[in-house]
């Protein structure tokens, strides 16, 4: 069996991001409910489930015995929640078009700039999985 990838700085950083986001999902689910794609039902349940999954992935990344599985799980989770990030950008884009003010446009641009940042996190998760 291949050796477990070490806990690198980027994997520890990913674990921190996932844990922080997961806790916010559980404590303030309303922050995330609005970005759940509109076609999906039971938004609060989905937000809670993704928060629990993020915390579980974060914990798994930190321990050598679970790092490989948590890397795969984290990569899958990051891909699965990507549509919510797209939904957030779409919604902010519509709001910016409607309002036309600088803060709305700036928020929209920030959500667009955030989208490609998901992929380095997926790559880090895959490295934790030994890929």
Protein backbone atom coordinates (compact mmCIF):
# COMPACT_ATOMS: atom_id res chain seq x y z
CA UNK A 1 0.00 0.00 0.00
CA UNK A 2 1.24 3.49 -0.82
CA UNK A 3 2.33 5.72 2.01
CA UNK A 4 -0.01 8.35 3.35
CA UNK A 5 0.76 11.83 2.03
CA UNK A 6 2.17 14.07 4.78
CA UNK A 7 0.19 16.86 6.35
CA UNK A 8 1.51 19.71 4.24
CA UNK A 9 0.83 23.37 4.82
CA UNK A 10 -1.68 23.50 1.96
CA UNK A 11 -3.61 20.46 3.24
CA UNK A 12 -3.68 21.95 6.76
CA UNK A 13 -4.91 25.21 5.21
CA UNK A 14 -7.65 23.38 3.34
CA UNK A 15 -8.68 21.65 6.57
CA UNK A 16 -8.88 25.05 8.27
CA UNK A 17 -11.01 26.51 5.47
CA UNK A 18 -13.35 23.50 5.50
CA UNK A 19 -13.69 23.48 9.29
CA UNK A 20 -14.39 27.21 9.46
CA UNK A 21 -16.92 27.06 6.66
CA UNK A 22 -18.56 23.97 8.17
CA UNK A 23 -19.02 25.65 11.54
CA UNK A 24 -20.56 28.71 9.89
CA UNK A 25 -22.90 26.43 7.92
CA UNK A 26 -24.18 25.01 11.20
CA UNK A 27 -24.30 28.21 13.26
CA UNK A 28 -25.56 30.61 10.57
CA UNK A 29 -27.23 28.47 7.87
CA UNK A 30 -29.18 31.45 6.55
CA UNK A 31 -25.88 32.83 5.20
CA UNK A 32 -25.72 29.90 2.76
CA UNK A 33 -29.38 29.12 2.06
CA UNK A 34 -29.62 31.85 -0.57
CA UNK A 35 -26.85 30.34 -2.71
CA UNK A 36 -28.25 26.82 -2.81
CA UNK A 37 -29.27 26.39 -6.46
CA UNK A 38 -32.91 27.40 -6.75
CA UNK A 39 -33.99 24.04 -8.19
CA UNK A 40 -32.93 22.17 -5.04
CA UNK A 41 -35.44 21.67 -2.20
CA UNK A 42 -34.89 21.72 1.58
CA UNK A 43 -32.18 24.32 1.55
CA UNK A 44 -31.61 24.35 5.33
CA UNK A 45 -31.11 20.58 5.35
CA UNK A 46 -28.63 20.81 2.46
CA UNK A 47 -26.71 23.59 4.19
CA UNK A 48 -26.51 21.60 7.43
CA UNK A 49 -25.46 18.43 5.57
CA UNK A 50 -22.72 20.24 3.68
CA UNK A 51 -21.50 21.84 6.91
CA UNK A 52 -21.26 18.46 8.62
CA UNK A 53 -19.48 17.06 5.56
CA UNK A 54 -17.00 19.96 5.58
CA UNK A 55 -16.19 19.44 9.27
CA UNK A 56 -15.79 15.67 8.74
CA UNK A 57 -13.49 16.24 5.77
CA UNK A 58 -11.44 18.78 7.73
CA UNK A 59 -10.97 16.39 10.63
CA UNK A 60 -10.12 13.55 8.27
CA UNK A 61 -7.47 15.57 6.47
CA UNK A 62 -5.62 16.16 9.73
CA UNK A 63 -5.19 12.51 10.68
CA UNK A 64 -2.85 10.22 8.70
CA UNK A 65 -5.18 7.22 8.95
CA UNK A 66 -8.05 9.09 7.31
CA UNK A 67 -6.19 11.61 5.14
CA UNK A 68 -6.45 9.65 1.90
CA UNK A 69 -10.22 9.07 2.18
CA UNK A 70 -10.78 12.61 3.42
CA UNK A 71 -8.84 13.93 0.43
CA UNK A 72 -11.16 12.12 -1.95
CA UNK A 73 -14.19 13.21 0.06
CA UNK A 74 -13.01 16.82 0.16
CA UNK A 75 -12.44 16.90 -3.59
CA UNK A 76 -15.91 15.46 -4.20
CA UNK A 77 -17.49 17.91 -1.78
CA UNK A 78 -15.75 20.90 -3.35
CA UNK A 79 -16.98 19.86 -6.80
CA UNK A 80 -20.49 19.20 -5.45
CA UNK A 81 -20.83 22.65 -3.90
CA UNK A 82 -19.44 24.48 -6.94
CA UNK A 83 -22.96 25.02 -8.38
CA UNK A 84 -23.83 27.00 -5.24
CA UNK A 85 -20.88 29.30 -5.94
CA UNK A 86 -22.08 29.72 -9.52
CA UNK A 87 -25.61 30.45 -8.24
CA UNK A 88 -24.16 33.10 -5.93
CA UNK A 89 -22.42 34.79 -8.89
CA UNK A 90 -25.56 34.64 -11.04
CA UNK A 91 -27.66 36.17 -8.27
CA UNK A 92 -25.13 38.94 -7.60
CA UNK A 93 -24.83 39.61 -11.32
CA UNK A 94 -28.59 40.07 -11.59
CA UNK A 95 -28.58 42.33 -8.54
CA UNK A 96 -25.72 44.42 -9.97
CA UNK A 97 -27.52 44.76 -13.29
CA UNK A 98 -30.71 45.84 -11.56
CA UNK A 99 -29.11 48.31 -9.14
CA UNK A 100 -26.18 49.49 -11.22
CA UNK A 101 -24.29 50.81 -8.19
CA UNK A 102 -20.57 50.34 -7.53
CA UNK A 103 -20.92 48.14 -4.40
CA UNK A 104 -23.23 45.71 -6.22
CA UNK A 105 -20.86 45.52 -9.18
CA UNK A 106 -17.86 45.03 -6.87
CA UNK A 107 -19.60 42.17 -5.04
CA UNK A 108 -20.46 40.55 -8.36
CA UNK A 109 -16.86 40.81 -9.55
CA UNK A 110 -15.66 39.33 -6.26
CA UNK A 111 -17.99 36.33 -6.64
CA UNK A 112 -16.74 35.79 -10.18
CA UNK A 113 -13.12 36.01 -9.05
CA UNK A 114 -13.84 33.43 -6.34
CA UNK A 115 -15.02 30.75 -8.80
CA UNK A 116 -11.59 29.71 -10.14
CA UNK A 117 -10.22 29.54 -6.58
CA UNK A 118 -12.26 26.37 -6.01
CA UNK A 119 -9.98 24.39 -8.33
CA UNK A 120 -6.72 24.84 -6.38
CA UNK A 121 -8.62 23.56 -3.33
CA UNK A 122 -9.73 20.51 -5.33
CA UNK A 123 -6.11 19.91 -6.40
CA UNK A 124 -4.97 20.17 -2.78
CA UNK A 125 -7.62 17.67 -1.73
CA UNK A 126 -6.48 15.29 -4.47
CA UNK A 127 -2.87 15.61 -3.29
CA UNK A 128 -4.06 14.69 0.21
CA UNK A 129 -5.68 11.63 -1.38
CA UNK A 130 -2.34 10.66 -2.88
CA UNK A 131 -3.08 11.70 -6.46
